[in-house]
Amino acid sequence: MDQSAVPDAQHRTPRIPDADRVWFAAGASWKLDAYNTIDFGYAYLRMKDAKINHSTEGQVNHQLQGEFSPKVDIISVQWVRAL
């Protein structure tokens, strides 16, 4: 379990609705020849449901209340050429 840096609903923002998460990741490498390699990676992040109670202050006050159920898929491909 990767613990979030956001302590509570008042500090959580809709831009980055961070929450405690679990990472699942896998990768593979394919050596094409003596000089070229292709790497593949996949990661899935499952975050805990997170409440938000965010307000702004200034000329116009806004209040946002709700709950996020964030999930993230990360796919990566890399080509490495050794000289």
C-alpha atoms as a PDB file:
ATOM      1  CA  MET A   1       0.000   0.000   0.000  1.00  0.00           C
ATOM      2  CA  ASP A   2       1.363   3.370  -1.073  1.00  0.00           C
ATOM      3  CA  GLN A   3       0.102   6.041   1.343  1.00  0.00           C
ATOM      4  CA  SER A   4      -1.182   9.340  -0.042  1.00  0.00           C
ATOM      5  CA  ALA A   5       0.351  12.664   0.957  1.00  0.00           C
ATOM      6  CA  VAL A   6      -3.142  14.208   1.128  1.00  0.00           C
ATOM      7  CA  PRO A   7      -4.276  13.967   4.772  1.00  0.00           C
ATOM      8  CA  ASP A   8      -8.054  14.510   4.450  1.00  0.00           C
ATOM      9  CA  ALA A   9     -11.024  15.617   2.311  1.00  0.00           C
ATOM     10  CA  GLN A  10     -10.419  19.335   2.995  1.00  0.00           C
ATOM     11  CA  HIS A  11      -6.929  19.179   1.452  1.00  0.00           C
ATOM     12  CA  ARG A  12      -7.856  17.022  -1.579  1.00  0.00           C
ATOM     13  CA  THR A  13      -8.320  18.942  -4.854  1.00  0.00           C
ATOM     14  CA  PRO A  14     -10.197  17.926  -8.013  1.00  0.00           C
ATOM     15  CA  ARG A  15      -7.023  18.473 -10.071  1.00  0.00           C
ATOM     16  CA  ILE A  16      -5.173  15.655  -8.316  1.00  0.00           C
ATOM     17  CA  PRO A  17      -7.638  13.507  -6.334  1.00  0.00           C
ATOM     18  CA  ASP A  18      -4.863  11.589  -4.572  1.00  0.00           C
ATOM     19  CA  ALA A  19      -5.635   8.693  -2.242  1.00  0.00           C
ATOM     20  CA  ASP A  20      -3.919   5.634  -0.769  1.00  0.00           C
ATOM     21  CA  ARG A  21      -3.141   3.221  -3.604  1.00  0.00           C
ATOM     22  CA  VAL A  22      -1.966  -0.238  -4.543  1.00  0.00           C
ATOM     23  CA  TRP A  23       0.299  -0.684  -7.585  1.00  0.00           C
ATOM     24  CA  PHE A  24       0.332  -3.733  -9.854  1.00  0.00           C
ATOM     25  CA  ALA A  25       3.064  -3.648 -12.510  1.00  0.00           C
ATOM     26  CA  ALA A  26       4.684  -5.911 -15.092  1.00  0.00           C
ATOM     27  CA  GLY A  27       7.247  -5.480 -17.814  1.00  0.00           C
ATOM     28  CA  ALA A  28       9.188  -7.313 -20.472  1.00  0.00           C
ATOM     29  CA  SER A  29      12.191  -6.704 -22.667  1.00  0.00           C
ATOM     30  CA  TRP A  30      12.762  -7.957 -26.220  1.00  0.00           C
ATOM     31  CA  LYS A  31      16.325  -7.916 -27.568  1.00  0.00           C
ATOM     32  CA  LEU A  32      16.051  -7.453 -31.345  1.00  0.00           C
ATOM     33  CA  ASP A  33      19.776  -7.779 -32.053  1.00  0.00           C
ATOM     34  CA  ALA A  34      23.136  -6.875 -30.483  1.00  0.00           C
ATOM     35  CA  TYR A  35      22.278  -3.144 -30.533  1.00  0.00           C
ATOM     36  CA  ASN A  36      18.486  -2.771 -30.252  1.00  0.00           C
ATOM     37  CA  THR A  37      16.133  -3.593 -27.397  1.00  0.00           C
ATOM     38  CA  ILE A  38      12.445  -2.808 -26.907  1.00  0.00           C
ATOM     39  CA  ASP A  39      11.054  -2.607 -23.371  1.00  0.00           C
ATOM     40  CA  PHE A  40       7.347  -2.827 -22.535  1.00  0.00           C
ATOM     41  CA  GLY A  41       5.694  -1.936 -19.247  1.00  0.00           C
ATOM     42  CA  TYR A  42       2.225  -1.828 -17.746  1.00  0.00           C
ATOM     43  CA  ALA A  43       1.098  -0.534 -14.358  1.00  0.00           C
ATOM     44  CA  TYR A  44      -2.376  -0.451 -12.819  1.00  0.00           C
ATOM     45  CA  LEU A  45      -3.065   1.760  -9.810  1.00  0.00           C
ATOM     46  CA  ARG A  46      -6.151   1.083  -7.728  1.00  0.00           C
ATOM     47  CA  MET A  47      -6.831   3.909  -5.317  1.00  0.00           C
ATOM     48  CA  LYS A  48      -9.155   3.856  -2.334  1.00  0.00           C
ATOM     49  CA  ASP A  49     -12.381   5.805  -2.740  1.00  0.00           C
ATOM     50  CA  ALA A  50     -11.663   9.338  -1.568  1.00  0.00           C
ATOM     51  CA  LYS A  51     -14.004  12.061  -0.361  1.00  0.00           C
ATOM     52  CA  ILE A  52     -13.474  15.701  -1.276  1.00  0.00           C
ATOM     53  CA  ASN A  53     -14.654  18.798   0.586  1.00  0.00           C
ATOM     54  CA  HIS A  54     -12.721  21.566  -1.157  1.00  0.00           C
ATOM     55  CA  SER A  55     -13.471  25.279  -0.942  1.00  0.00           C
ATOM     56  CA  THR A  56     -11.801  28.348  -2.413  1.00  0.00           C
ATOM     57  CA  GLU A  57     -11.649  31.808  -0.948  1.00  0.00           C
ATOM     58  CA  GLY A  58     -11.320  35.095  -2.771  1.00  0.00           C
ATOM     59  CA  GLN A  59     -13.648  37.304  -4.783  1.00  0.00           C
ATOM     60  CA  VAL A  60     -15.835  34.277  -5.517  1.00  0.00           C
ATOM     61  CA  ASN A  61     -16.152  31.422  -3.023  1.00  0.00           C
ATOM     62  CA  HIS A  62     -16.642  27.913  -4.417  1.00  0.00           C
ATOM     63  CA  GLN A  63     -17.423  24.676  -2.600  1.00  0.00           C
ATOM     64  CA  LEU A  64     -16.926  21.197  -4.071  1.00  0.00           C
ATOM     65  CA  GLN A  65     -18.092  18.104  -2.212  1.00  0.00           C
ATOM     66  CA  GLY A  66     -18.128  14.576  -3.534  1.00  0.00           C
ATOM     67  CA  GLU A  67     -16.272  11.295  -3.823  1.00  0.00           C
ATOM     68  CA  PHE A  68     -13.659  10.000  -6.272  1.00  0.00           C
ATOM     69  CA  SER A  69     -13.071   6.385  -7.298  1.00  0.00           C
ATOM     70  CA  PRO A  70      -9.801   6.841  -9.204  1.00  0.00           C
ATOM     71  CA  LYS A  71      -8.085   4.114 -11.207  1.00  0.00           C
ATOM     72  CA  VAL A  72      -5.022   4.578 -13.427  1.00  0.00           C
ATOM     73  CA  ASP A  73      -3.588   2.556 -16.319  1.00  0.00           C
ATOM     74  CA  ILE A  74      -0.015   3.294 -17.419  1.00  0.00           C
ATOM     75  CA  ILE A  75       1.410   1.751 -20.591  1.00  0.00           C
ATOM     76  CA  SER A  76       4.994   2.364 -21.657  1.00  0.00           C
ATOM     77  CA  VAL A  77       7.217   1.371 -24.569  1.00  0.00           C
ATOM     78  CA  GLN A  78      10.908   2.207 -24.874  1.00  0.00           C
ATOM     79  CA  TRP A  79      13.412   1.573 -27.638  1.00  0.00           C
ATOM     80  CA  VAL A  80      17.072   1.410 -26.580  1.00  0.00           C
ATOM     81  CA  ARG A  81      19.886   1.512 -29.120  1.00  0.00           C
ATOM     82  CA  ALA A  82      23.349   0.740 -27.750  1.00  0.00           C
ATOM     83  CA  LEU A  83      26.222   2.325 -29.641  1.00  0.00           C
END
